[in-house]
């Protein structure tokens, strides 16, 4: 009888727990719907964007839950870095690679890699050194060298999610490609740095260990990129050879989604950078795989990936807003609010200094290698790049939780101060810098207009049919047998001064001769307006 009563009690407790979870999920889904509706109503607002809207709704919801629970709780779900890195981040980064205008991205590839990789290391170093210098003067607990380096990696991660919502690649294509590309590479670099710091033995530091650390870092970078490209090419080859669309479009759409997610999970399995892997997988799939499926599948995948990315972004900002009011973390710093404010202010200042330390010098070096004035980054654009990259968000939050909490909870005062300071920096930077980015762009570049040549990217899954092509677009659609006169540089300096057209020319030759015959992709002739894509490609490719 006693056993039966005990079993009944456990079942009732489990039932109550399940009911509470269902209630929480219902409320969270309702809040996501509210974010979408309110974001739509504020679409034309010059100050607001969807990320800020989700943050504000999350904050308001946290306040309501605090009042209802009488100060005991402020969020519906417990934050988990696994939830963020495994389920929420992959669709965001993949869609970024899938929708990116590749011509603009690879035109600025060297600058983007310099900003994203070298810039992140510079920023991490400055933030770490500043934290060592200032935090030892404050009573915030005992931190070792590994902790300070981890702080540098945490706050070196820019928020590419929020930045993508602030800038528009049609209005400011150069700025968008630089900030967006840097954001993705920056996130990958920050995560790789953070993981390397966590696993590296910092008790025996010497020149050999430093070179080993850098070698391992670039090895992970290269291997992650290769894995993403390989997964994308495999998906293109399988779909091209088997042509699932003749029986079921659902299968080819499902295969594209699963292969995209598989690339990320494989990177995590082999301890590589999943962010970098899934990003380059998205670029390769948009270049080859997307053109091998039926027209209806192209429309479906384009909107499906964009929708999943949008929901993940909204979910992240909504939760960050609610978690900002978690009473457990603030209780540890309630006796010394001045210390928490000081730590947050120091970190914000170091973030601004660390970003300025590489944006302006690297922009100067980039401009030296560019002969065309229109491709150079002027001082106004440099200011916008510096400003837009000051925002910190979910990646910093997830890394801070990974470092300073256990299962979402913290019991040490120093760790609680770092968590609350991370929340403060993320909220302040997203709200203030995010709201001011649009007005800043309009003030610095009031007549910035996107040109046709800058927007022409015939391999990006933005539209199914393309209009009549102008001269530059026709160049990218040249027939495999035709060869146009492309100016060749006669020296190494000449190659560095104008590499874009030359590299693009050689890549097109290689792509036409070896890659597309095997992996498929778009043809090299103009499409007939108003005709189905597959039919026009088939007709025009006949001998």
Protein backbone atom coordinates (compact mmCIF):
# COMPACT_ATOMS: atom_id res chain seq x y z
CA UNK A 1 0.00 0.00 0.00
CA UNK A 2 2.85 2.31 0.91
CA UNK A 3 4.61 1.44 -2.34
CA UNK A 4 1.43 2.19 -4.32
CA UNK A 5 1.03 5.56 -2.56
CA UNK A 6 4.67 6.41 -3.28
CA UNK A 7 4.28 5.46 -6.95
CA UNK A 8 1.09 7.51 -7.24
CA UNK A 9 2.84 10.51 -5.66
CA UNK A 10 5.71 10.25 -8.15
CA UNK A 11 3.31 10.00 -11.10
CA UNK A 12 1.38 13.06 -9.89
CA UNK A 13 4.66 14.94 -9.46
CA UNK A 14 5.74 13.94 -12.97
CA UNK A 15 2.34 14.91 -14.34
CA UNK A 16 2.60 18.31 -12.64
CA UNK A 17 6.11 18.79 -14.06
CA UNK A 18 4.95 17.85 -17.56
CA UNK A 19 1.98 20.20 -17.26
CA UNK A 20 4.27 23.05 -16.20
CA UNK A 21 6.51 22.38 -19.22
CA UNK A 22 3.50 22.40 -21.56
CA UNK A 23 2.31 25.71 -20.05
CA UNK A 24 5.79 27.21 -20.44
CA UNK A 25 6.04 26.10 -24.07
CA UNK A 26 2.58 27.46 -24.82
CA UNK A 27 3.50 30.85 -23.38
CA UNK A 28 6.81 30.90 -25.23
CA UNK A 29 5.18 30.08 -28.57
CA UNK A 30 2.59 32.81 -27.90
CA UNK A 31 5.43 35.26 -27.20
CA UNK A 32 7.14 34.28 -30.47
CA UNK A 33 3.88 35.04 -32.30
CA UNK A 34 3.70 38.39 -30.50
CA UNK A 35 7.28 39.20 -31.56
CA UNK A 36 6.40 38.52 -35.21
CA UNK A 37 3.23 40.63 -35.11
CA UNK A 38 4.77 43.58 -33.23
CA UNK A 39 7.93 43.39 -35.39
CA UNK A 40 5.71 43.66 -38.48
CA UNK A 41 3.91 46.70 -37.07
CA UNK A 42 7.26 48.38 -36.30
CA UNK A 43 8.79 47.49 -39.68
CA UNK A 44 9.08 51.12 -40.81
CA UNK A 45 10.40 52.42 -37.49
CA UNK A 46 13.87 53.91 -37.94
CA UNK A 47 14.97 52.96 -34.41
CA UNK A 48 13.55 49.48 -33.90
CA UNK A 49 14.34 46.11 -35.46
CA UNK A 50 13.07 42.61 -34.72
CA UNK A 51 15.93 41.69 -32.38
CA UNK A 52 15.34 44.74 -30.19
CA UNK A 53 11.59 44.08 -30.25
CA UNK A 54 12.17 40.49 -29.04
CA UNK A 55 14.53 41.74 -26.32
CA UNK A 56 11.98 44.24 -25.03
CA UNK A 57 9.17 41.65 -25.06
CA UNK A 58 11.46 39.26 -23.20
CA UNK A 59 12.26 41.92 -20.59
CA UNK A 60 8.56 42.77 -20.10
CA UNK A 61 7.69 39.07 -19.81
CA UNK A 62 10.47 38.60 -17.24
CA UNK A 63 9.05 41.45 -15.15
CA UNK A 64 5.55 39.94 -15.28
CA UNK A 65 6.82 36.48 -14.27
CA UNK A 66 8.85 38.04 -11.43
CA UNK A 67 5.71 39.75 -10.11
CA UNK A 68 3.58 36.60 -10.42
CA UNK A 69 6.20 34.37 -8.79
CA UNK A 70 6.93 37.03 -6.14
CA UNK A 71 10.55 37.42 -7.12
CA UNK A 72 11.42 33.72 -7.33
CA UNK A 73 11.66 33.22 -11.08
CA UNK A 74 11.89 35.30 -14.25
CA UNK A 75 12.06 32.87 -17.19
CA UNK A 76 9.99 30.10 -18.70
CA UNK A 77 12.89 27.92 -19.88
CA UNK A 78 16.33 27.25 -18.41
CA UNK A 79 19.12 28.49 -20.68
CA UNK A 80 21.31 25.76 -22.13
CA UNK A 81 24.37 26.37 -24.28
CA UNK A 82 23.70 22.97 -25.88
CA UNK A 83 20.25 24.18 -26.97
CA UNK A 84 21.85 27.27 -28.46
CA UNK A 85 24.82 25.64 -30.22
CA UNK A 86 23.09 22.45 -31.41
CA UNK A 87 19.58 23.62 -32.34
CA UNK A 88 19.39 27.40 -32.69
CA UNK A 89 22.71 28.53 -34.20
CA UNK A 90 23.01 26.06 -37.16
CA UNK A 91 19.93 27.29 -39.10
CA UNK A 92 20.99 30.92 -38.62
CA UNK A 93 24.54 30.45 -39.90
CA UNK A 94 23.54 28.05 -42.69
CA UNK A 95 20.92 30.46 -44.03
CA UNK A 96 23.50 33.25 -43.90
CA UNK A 97 25.78 31.23 -46.21
CA UNK A 98 22.87 30.00 -48.33
CA UNK A 99 21.49 33.50 -49.01
CA UNK A 100 24.74 35.46 -49.18
CA UNK A 101 25.58 37.24 -52.41
CA UNK A 102 28.70 35.29 -53.21
CA UNK A 103 30.13 37.76 -55.72
CA UNK A 104 30.27 40.49 -53.08
CA UNK A 105 31.46 38.10 -50.37
CA UNK A 106 34.37 36.65 -52.33
CA UNK A 107 35.24 40.02 -53.84
CA UNK A 108 36.08 41.09 -50.27
CA UNK A 109 37.16 37.66 -49.04
CA UNK A 110 40.69 38.62 -47.98
CA UNK A 111 39.44 41.66 -46.06
CA UNK A 112 36.66 39.61 -44.44
CA UNK A 113 39.10 36.90 -43.31
CA UNK A 114 41.49 39.54 -41.98
CA UNK A 115 38.70 41.22 -39.99
CA UNK A 116 37.15 37.93 -38.86
CA UNK A 117 40.26 35.92 -37.92
CA UNK A 118 43.13 38.35 -37.27
CA UNK A 119 40.78 41.02 -35.90
CA UNK A 120 39.18 38.61 -33.44
CA UNK A 121 42.59 37.53 -32.13
CA UNK A 122 43.62 41.18 -31.71
CA UNK A 123 40.36 42.03 -29.95
CA UNK A 124 40.64 38.96 -27.69
CA UNK A 125 44.19 39.91 -26.73
CA UNK A 126 43.31 43.53 -25.87
CA UNK A 127 40.23 42.55 -23.85
CA UNK A 128 42.21 39.88 -21.95
CA UNK A 129 45.09 42.25 -21.14
CA UNK A 130 42.66 44.98 -20.08
CA UNK A 131 40.73 42.55 -17.86
CA UNK A 132 43.97 41.42 -16.19
CA UNK A 133 44.95 45.05 -15.59
CA UNK A 134 41.63 46.34 -14.23
CA UNK A 135 39.87 43.34 -12.64
CA UNK A 136 42.69 42.68 -10.17
CA UNK A 137 41.97 46.10 -8.65
CA UNK A 138 38.33 45.14 -8.10
CA UNK A 139 37.11 42.64 -5.52
CA UNK A 140 35.38 40.18 -7.83
CA UNK A 141 37.01 36.89 -6.89
CA UNK A 142 40.06 34.91 -7.97
CA UNK A 143 40.61 34.46 -11.71
CA UNK A 144 43.58 32.72 -13.33
CA UNK A 145 45.13 33.34 -16.74
CA UNK A 146 42.78 30.87 -18.42
CA UNK A 147 39.77 32.77 -17.05
CA UNK A 148 41.05 36.10 -18.38
CA UNK A 149 41.78 34.63 -21.81
CA UNK A 150 38.29 33.08 -21.83
CA UNK A 151 36.82 36.51 -21.02
CA UNK A 152 38.70 37.90 -24.03
CA UNK A 153 37.26 35.19 -26.31
CA UNK A 154 33.74 35.67 -24.89
CA UNK A 155 33.63 39.41 -25.53
CA UNK A 156 35.50 39.25 -28.84
CA UNK A 157 32.44 37.51 -30.35
CA UNK A 158 30.33 40.05 -32.25
CA UNK A 159 26.62 39.48 -32.73
CA UNK A 160 26.25 38.66 -36.42
CA UNK A 161 22.56 37.85 -35.88
CA UNK A 162 21.68 41.38 -34.80
CA UNK A 163 24.03 43.01 -37.30
CA UNK A 164 22.35 41.23 -40.22
CA UNK A 165 19.01 42.73 -39.17
CA UNK A 166 20.47 46.24 -38.87
CA UNK A 167 22.18 46.42 -42.29
CA UNK A 168 20.61 45.73 -45.68
CA UNK A 169 22.65 44.07 -48.42
CA UNK A 170 20.65 45.80 -51.17
CA UNK A 171 21.14 49.32 -49.78
CA UNK A 172 24.75 48.93 -48.62
CA UNK A 173 26.21 45.82 -50.32
CA UNK A 174 29.87 46.53 -49.54
CA UNK A 175 29.19 47.27 -45.88
CA UNK A 176 26.85 44.31 -45.57
CA UNK A 177 29.33 41.84 -47.06
CA UNK A 178 32.13 43.09 -44.80
CA UNK A 179 30.16 43.20 -41.54
CA UNK A 180 28.23 40.02 -42.29
CA UNK A 181 31.27 38.03 -43.43
CA UNK A 182 33.34 39.26 -40.52
CA UNK A 183 30.51 38.37 -38.12
CA UNK A 184 30.35 34.74 -39.27
CA UNK A 185 34.14 34.25 -39.31
CA UNK A 186 34.36 36.12 -36.00
CA UNK A 187 31.85 33.81 -34.31
CA UNK A 188 33.72 30.76 -35.58
CA UNK A 189 37.09 32.20 -34.48
CA UNK A 190 35.77 33.12 -31.04
CA UNK A 191 34.33 29.64 -30.43
CA UNK A 192 37.53 27.95 -31.66
CA UNK A 193 39.64 30.27 -29.47
CA UNK A 194 37.40 29.66 -26.46
CA UNK A 195 37.54 25.87 -26.86
CA UNK A 196 41.30 25.96 -27.44
CA UNK A 197 41.81 28.02 -24.27
CA UNK A 198 39.62 25.65 -22.29
CA UNK A 199 41.59 22.59 -23.39
CA UNK A 200 45.08 24.13 -23.49
CA UNK A 201 47.53 23.75 -20.61
CA UNK A 202 48.38 27.32 -19.65
CA UNK A 203 50.73 26.38 -16.79
CA UNK A 204 53.70 25.84 -19.13
CA UNK A 205 53.80 28.73 -21.58
CA UNK A 206 56.71 29.07 -24.03
CA UNK A 207 57.37 29.88 -27.69
CA UNK A 208 56.87 26.27 -28.75
CA UNK A 209 53.49 26.09 -27.00
CA UNK A 210 52.40 29.38 -28.61
CA UNK A 211 53.26 28.14 -32.11
CA UNK A 212 51.51 24.85 -31.37
CA UNK A 213 48.43 26.78 -30.28
CA UNK A 214 48.40 28.88 -33.47
CA UNK A 215 49.05 25.84 -35.66
CA UNK A 216 46.17 23.97 -34.07
CA UNK A 217 43.95 27.03 -34.49
CA UNK A 218 44.59 27.35 -38.26
CA UNK A 219 44.37 23.57 -38.67
CA UNK A 220 40.85 23.62 -37.19
CA UNK A 221 39.94 26.54 -39.43
CA UNK A 222 41.10 24.83 -42.61
CA UNK A 223 39.62 21.44 -41.73
CA UNK A 224 36.25 22.98 -40.81
CA UNK A 225 36.08 24.77 -44.16
CA UNK A 226 37.03 21.63 -46.09
CA UNK A 227 34.39 19.58 -44.24
CA UNK A 228 31.67 22.12 -45.09
CA UNK A 229 32.65 22.24 -48.76
CA UNK A 230 32.85 18.42 -48.97
CA UNK A 231 29.40 17.94 -47.40
CA UNK A 232 27.88 20.47 -49.79
CA UNK A 233 29.49 18.81 -52.81
CA UNK A 234 28.30 15.35 -51.71
CA UNK A 235 24.72 16.62 -51.43
CA UNK A 236 24.98 18.20 -54.90
CA UNK A 237 26.35 15.02 -56.47
CA UNK A 238 23.77 12.72 -54.85
CA UNK A 239 20.80 14.91 -55.81
CA UNK A 240 22.13 15.44 -59.34
CA UNK A 241 22.72 11.74 -59.98
CA UNK A 242 19.58 10.33 -58.35
CA UNK A 243 17.23 13.21 -59.25
CA UNK A 244 14.69 12.66 -56.46
CA UNK A 245 12.38 15.27 -57.95
CA UNK A 246 11.05 12.96 -60.64
CA UNK A 247 9.26 10.97 -57.91
CA UNK A 248 8.98 13.26 -54.88
CA UNK A 249 10.09 16.83 -54.24
CA UNK A 250 9.69 16.19 -50.51
CA UNK A 251 12.66 13.83 -50.55
CA UNK A 252 15.09 16.27 -52.16
CA UNK A 253 14.00 19.08 -49.80
CA UNK A 254 14.40 16.76 -46.80
CA UNK A 255 17.82 15.61 -48.03
CA UNK A 256 19.03 19.20 -48.44
CA UNK A 257 17.94 20.08 -44.89
CA UNK A 258 19.42 16.95 -43.35
CA UNK A 259 22.74 17.29 -45.19
CA UNK A 260 23.00 20.90 -44.06
CA UNK A 261 22.46 19.90 -40.43
CA UNK A 262 24.74 16.88 -40.82
CA UNK A 263 27.65 19.15 -41.77
CA UNK A 264 27.31 21.02 -38.47
CA UNK A 265 26.98 17.85 -36.37
CA UNK A 266 29.97 16.23 -38.10
CA UNK A 267 32.07 19.27 -37.23
CA UNK A 268 30.96 19.04 -33.60
CA UNK A 269 31.66 15.28 -33.62
CA UNK A 270 35.23 15.83 -34.82
CA UNK A 271 35.74 18.84 -32.46
CA UNK A 272 35.91 21.34 -35.35
CA UNK A 273 34.16 24.68 -35.85
CA UNK A 274 30.54 23.88 -36.68
CA UNK A 275 29.85 27.54 -37.47
CA UNK A 276 32.49 27.71 -40.20
CA UNK A 277 31.54 24.27 -41.55
CA UNK A 278 27.81 24.93 -41.90
CA UNK A 279 28.47 28.40 -43.36
CA UNK A 280 30.61 27.11 -46.23
CA UNK A 281 28.24 24.18 -46.66
CA UNK A 282 25.48 26.77 -47.22
CA UNK A 283 27.57 28.59 -49.85
CA UNK A 284 28.37 25.38 -51.75
CA UNK A 285 24.77 24.12 -51.59
CA UNK A 286 23.48 27.43 -52.96
CA UNK A 287 26.02 27.27 -55.80
CA UNK A 288 25.48 23.65 -56.83
CA UNK A 289 22.81 21.67 -54.93
CA UNK A 290 20.08 24.31 -55.11
CA UNK A 291 20.22 24.34 -58.92
CA UNK A 292 19.95 20.54 -59.14
CA UNK A 293 16.49 20.32 -57.55
CA UNK A 294 13.12 21.07 -59.13
CA UNK A 295 11.82 24.61 -59.33
CA UNK A 296 9.19 24.01 -56.63
CA UNK A 297 11.90 22.62 -54.33
CA UNK A 298 14.00 25.73 -54.87
CA UNK A 299 11.17 27.94 -53.70
CA UNK A 300 10.46 25.63 -50.77
CA UNK A 301 14.06 25.39 -49.53
CA UNK A 302 14.70 29.11 -49.94
CA UNK A 303 11.74 30.03 -47.72
CA UNK A 304 12.15 27.08 -45.34
CA UNK A 305 15.78 27.96 -44.49
CA UNK A 306 14.91 31.65 -44.11
CA UNK A 307 11.94 30.85 -41.83
CA UNK A 308 13.95 28.52 -39.58
CA UNK A 309 16.68 31.14 -39.29
CA UNK A 310 14.16 33.87 -38.46
CA UNK A 311 12.47 31.78 -35.74
CA UNK A 312 15.82 30.83 -34.18
CA UNK A 313 16.92 34.49 -34.09
CA UNK A 314 13.66 35.59 -32.48
CA UNK A 315 13.82 32.74 -29.96
CA UNK A 316 17.36 33.70 -28.92
CA UNK A 317 16.64 37.39 -28.35
CA UNK A 318 13.37 36.67 -26.59
CA UNK A 319 15.11 34.36 -24.16
CA UNK A 320 18.08 36.69 -23.59
CA UNK A 321 15.59 39.42 -22.62
CA UNK A 322 13.87 37.15 -20.09
CA UNK A 323 17.10 35.73 -18.69
CA UNK A 324 18.43 39.24 -18.02
CA UNK A 325 16.12 39.38 -14.99
CA UNK A 326 17.11 36.01 -13.50
CA UNK A 327 16.96 36.81 -9.79
CA UNK A 328 19.41 34.07 -8.81
CA UNK A 329 22.34 35.71 -10.60
CA UNK A 330 21.56 39.25 -9.45
CA UNK A 331 21.25 38.15 -5.80
CA UNK A 332 25.01 37.54 -5.65
CA UNK A 333 25.84 41.08 -6.78
CA UNK A 334 23.06 42.89 -4.88
CA UNK A 335 25.43 43.78 -2.02
CA UNK A 336 27.88 45.52 -4.39
CA UNK A 337 26.05 46.94 -7.41
CA UNK A 338 28.86 49.42 -8.00
CA UNK A 339 31.32 46.58 -8.68
CA UNK A 340 28.99 45.01 -11.24
CA UNK A 341 28.51 48.37 -12.99
CA UNK A 342 32.27 48.97 -12.99
CA UNK A 343 32.99 45.53 -14.50
CA UNK A 344 30.33 46.05 -17.19
CA UNK A 345 31.67 49.52 -18.02
CA UNK A 346 35.27 48.28 -18.24
CA UNK A 347 34.25 45.41 -20.51
CA UNK A 348 32.24 47.75 -22.75
CA UNK A 349 35.21 50.11 -23.01
CA UNK A 350 37.57 47.24 -23.82
CA UNK A 351 35.17 45.96 -26.48
CA UNK A 352 35.16 49.38 -28.17
CA UNK A 353 38.95 49.72 -27.89
CA UNK A 354 39.61 46.17 -29.09
CA UNK A 355 37.42 46.66 -32.14
CA UNK A 356 38.99 50.00 -33.06
CA UNK A 357 42.45 48.43 -32.72
CA UNK A 358 41.92 46.24 -35.79
CA UNK A 359 39.14 47.83 -37.89
CA UNK A 360 41.02 51.00 -38.79
CA UNK A 361 44.54 49.52 -39.25
CA UNK A 362 43.28 46.54 -41.28
CA UNK A 363 41.09 48.84 -43.39
CA UNK A 364 44.16 50.95 -44.13
CA UNK A 365 46.13 47.87 -45.22
CA UNK A 366 43.19 46.63 -47.28
CA UNK A 367 42.96 49.97 -49.10
CA UNK A 368 46.66 49.80 -50.00
CA UNK A 369 46.03 46.60 -51.96
CA UNK A 370 43.08 48.02 -53.92
CA UNK A 371 43.60 50.22 -56.95
CA UNK A 372 39.93 50.90 -57.69
CA UNK A 373 38.70 53.80 -55.56
CA UNK A 374 35.16 52.40 -55.37
CA UNK A 375 36.45 49.20 -53.71
CA UNK A 376 38.31 51.05 -50.97
CA UNK A 377 36.82 51.39 -47.49
CA UNK A 378 36.50 55.10 -46.74
CA UNK A 379 36.58 56.54 -43.24
CA UNK A 380 32.78 56.78 -42.95
CA UNK A 381 32.40 53.13 -43.87
CA UNK A 382 35.11 52.23 -41.36
CA UNK A 383 33.20 54.03 -38.62
CA UNK A 384 30.01 52.12 -39.52
CA UNK A 385 31.89 48.79 -39.52
CA UNK A 386 33.41 49.60 -36.14
CA UNK A 387 30.04 50.66 -34.72
CA UNK A 388 27.96 47.79 -36.14
CA UNK A 389 30.39 45.23 -34.72
CA UNK A 390 30.15 46.57 -31.17
CA UNK A 391 26.98 44.56 -30.52
CA UNK A 392 27.29 41.45 -28.37
CA UNK A 393 24.62 38.78 -28.15
CA UNK A 394 23.80 35.11 -27.91
CA UNK A 395 27.27 33.72 -28.73
CA UNK A 396 28.82 35.73 -25.90
CA UNK A 397 25.97 34.67 -23.60
CA UNK A 398 26.38 30.99 -24.45
CA UNK A 399 30.17 31.06 -23.97
CA UNK A 400 29.80 32.92 -20.66
CA UNK A 401 27.29 30.35 -19.42
CA UNK A 402 29.63 27.57 -20.50
CA UNK A 403 32.53 29.10 -18.58
CA UNK A 404 30.94 30.57 -15.46
CA UNK A 405 27.91 28.36 -14.71
CA UNK A 406 27.08 24.71 -14.11
CA UNK A 407 23.78 23.58 -15.68
CA UNK A 408 22.64 27.19 -15.89
CA UNK A 409 23.33 27.95 -12.22
CA UNK A 410 26.20 29.69 -10.45
CA UNK A 411 27.23 29.65 -6.79
CA UNK A 412 30.39 31.78 -6.82
CA UNK A 413 30.22 35.56 -6.52
CA UNK A 414 32.92 36.17 -9.14
CA UNK A 415 31.18 33.93 -11.66
CA UNK A 416 27.82 35.61 -10.94
CA UNK A 417 29.40 39.03 -11.55
CA UNK A 418 30.76 37.87 -14.91
CA UNK A 419 27.36 36.45 -15.92
CA UNK A 420 25.46 39.62 -14.94
CA UNK A 421 28.13 41.78 -16.61
CA UNK A 422 27.82 39.73 -19.82
CA UNK A 423 24.03 40.17 -19.73
CA UNK A 424 24.43 43.91 -19.14
CA UNK A 425 26.93 44.34 -22.01
CA UNK A 426 24.74 42.29 -24.40
CA UNK A 427 21.59 44.24 -23.52
CA UNK A 428 23.26 47.65 -23.61
CA UNK A 429 25.15 47.06 -26.85
CA UNK A 430 22.17 45.53 -28.65
CA UNK A 431 19.68 48.15 -27.48
CA UNK A 432 21.86 51.26 -27.81
CA UNK A 433 24.19 50.42 -30.71
CA UNK A 434 21.48 48.46 -32.51
CA UNK A 435 18.99 51.33 -32.32
CA UNK A 436 21.55 53.91 -33.43
CA UNK A 437 23.08 51.96 -36.34
CA UNK A 438 20.35 52.78 -38.87
CA UNK A 439 20.37 56.54 -38.10
CA UNK A 440 24.17 56.50 -38.15
CA UNK A 441 24.24 54.93 -41.63
CA UNK A 442 21.68 57.43 -42.91
CA UNK A 443 23.69 60.31 -41.45
CA UNK A 444 27.10 59.19 -42.74
CA UNK A 445 25.87 57.94 -46.13
CA UNK A 446 22.57 59.71 -46.88
CA UNK A 447 22.76 59.06 -50.63
CA UNK A 448 24.07 55.49 -50.49
CA UNK A 449 22.40 53.56 -53.32
CA UNK A 450 23.01 50.03 -54.50
CA UNK A 451 24.10 49.73 -58.12
CA UNK A 452 23.05 47.03 -60.53
CA UNK A 453 26.56 45.72 -60.95
CA UNK A 454 27.02 45.38 -57.21
CA UNK A 455 23.74 43.57 -56.80
CA UNK A 456 24.11 41.14 -59.67
CA UNK A 457 24.72 37.71 -58.26
CA UNK A 458 23.26 35.05 -60.46
CA UNK A 459 24.12 32.10 -58.23
CA UNK A 460 22.37 33.25 -55.07
CA UNK A 461 18.96 31.70 -54.33
CA UNK A 462 17.18 35.03 -54.10
CA UNK A 463 14.94 34.67 -57.12
CA UNK A 464 13.97 31.88 -59.47
CA UNK A 465 13.86 33.93 -62.69
CA UNK A 466 16.28 36.70 -63.59
CA UNK A 467 15.68 39.70 -65.84
CA UNK A 468 17.45 40.49 -69.10
CA UNK A 469 21.11 40.69 -68.33
CA UNK A 470 23.39 43.64 -68.60
CA UNK A 471 26.98 43.48 -69.73
CA UNK A 472 28.53 42.53 -66.42
CA UNK A 473 25.93 39.87 -65.71
CA UNK A 474 26.43 38.36 -69.16
CA UNK A 475 30.09 38.05 -68.33
CA UNK A 476 29.24 35.67 -65.51
CA UNK A 477 27.01 33.66 -67.90
CA UNK A 478 29.63 33.17 -70.60
CA UNK A 479 29.48 29.91 -72.51
CA UNK A 480 32.08 27.30 -71.59
CA UNK A 481 33.66 27.52 -75.01
CA UNK A 482 33.90 31.31 -75.16
CA UNK A 483 36.88 33.14 -73.76
CA UNK A 484 36.85 36.87 -73.28
CA UNK A 485 39.96 38.97 -73.05
CA UNK A 486 40.70 39.47 -69.40
CA UNK A 487 43.58 41.75 -68.50
CA UNK A 488 46.39 39.77 -66.91
CA UNK A 489 48.67 41.29 -64.29
CA UNK A 490 52.31 41.22 -65.35
CA UNK A 491 53.75 41.14 -61.83
CA UNK A 492 53.00 39.99 -58.30
CA UNK A 493 52.26 43.57 -57.29
CA UNK A 494 49.83 43.85 -60.20
CA UNK A 495 48.10 40.66 -59.11
CA UNK A 496 47.70 41.98 -55.56
CA UNK A 497 46.47 45.33 -56.80
CA UNK A 498 43.67 43.89 -58.96
CA UNK A 499 43.09 40.24 -58.05
CA UNK A 500 39.28 40.18 -58.23
CA UNK A 501 38.66 39.85 -61.97
CA UNK A 502 41.63 37.57 -62.54
CA UNK A 503 40.82 35.16 -59.71
CA UNK A 504 37.17 35.16 -60.75
CA UNK A 505 38.15 34.41 -64.35
CA UNK A 506 40.33 31.43 -63.40
CA UNK A 507 37.71 30.16 -60.99
CA UNK A 508 35.03 30.28 -63.70
CA UNK A 509 37.27 28.32 -66.06
CA UNK A 510 37.92 25.68 -63.40
CA UNK A 511 34.26 25.60 -62.38
CA UNK A 512 33.09 25.18 -65.99
CA UNK A 513 35.64 22.51 -66.88
CA UNK A 514 35.67 20.32 -63.77
CA UNK A 515 33.14 21.20 -61.08
CA UNK A 516 29.81 21.83 -62.82
CA UNK A 517 29.94 18.78 -65.12
CA UNK A 518 30.21 16.62 -61.98
CA UNK A 519 28.21 18.52 -59.36
CA UNK A 520 25.71 20.40 -61.51
CA UNK A 521 24.64 23.99 -60.97
CA UNK A 522 23.28 26.78 -63.12
CA UNK A 523 24.06 26.84 -66.85
CA UNK A 524 26.07 29.51 -68.60
CA UNK A 525 23.45 31.02 -70.87
CA UNK A 526 20.77 33.63 -70.10
CA UNK A 527 17.41 32.32 -69.00
CA UNK A 528 14.34 33.15 -71.08
CA UNK A 529 12.12 35.47 -68.98
CA UNK A 530 8.87 33.82 -67.99
CA UNK A 531 10.00 30.29 -68.82
CA UNK A 532 10.48 27.49 -66.29
CA UNK A 533 14.08 27.33 -65.17
CA UNK A 534 14.61 23.68 -65.95
CA UNK A 535 13.05 23.91 -69.42
CA UNK A 536 15.07 26.92 -70.51
CA UNK A 537 18.26 25.37 -69.22
CA UNK A 538 17.53 22.10 -71.00
CA UNK A 539 16.60 23.76 -74.30
CA UNK A 540 19.55 26.13 -74.37
CA UNK A 541 22.06 23.44 -73.47
CA UNK A 542 21.10 21.24 -76.44
CA UNK A 543 23.74 21.12 -79.20
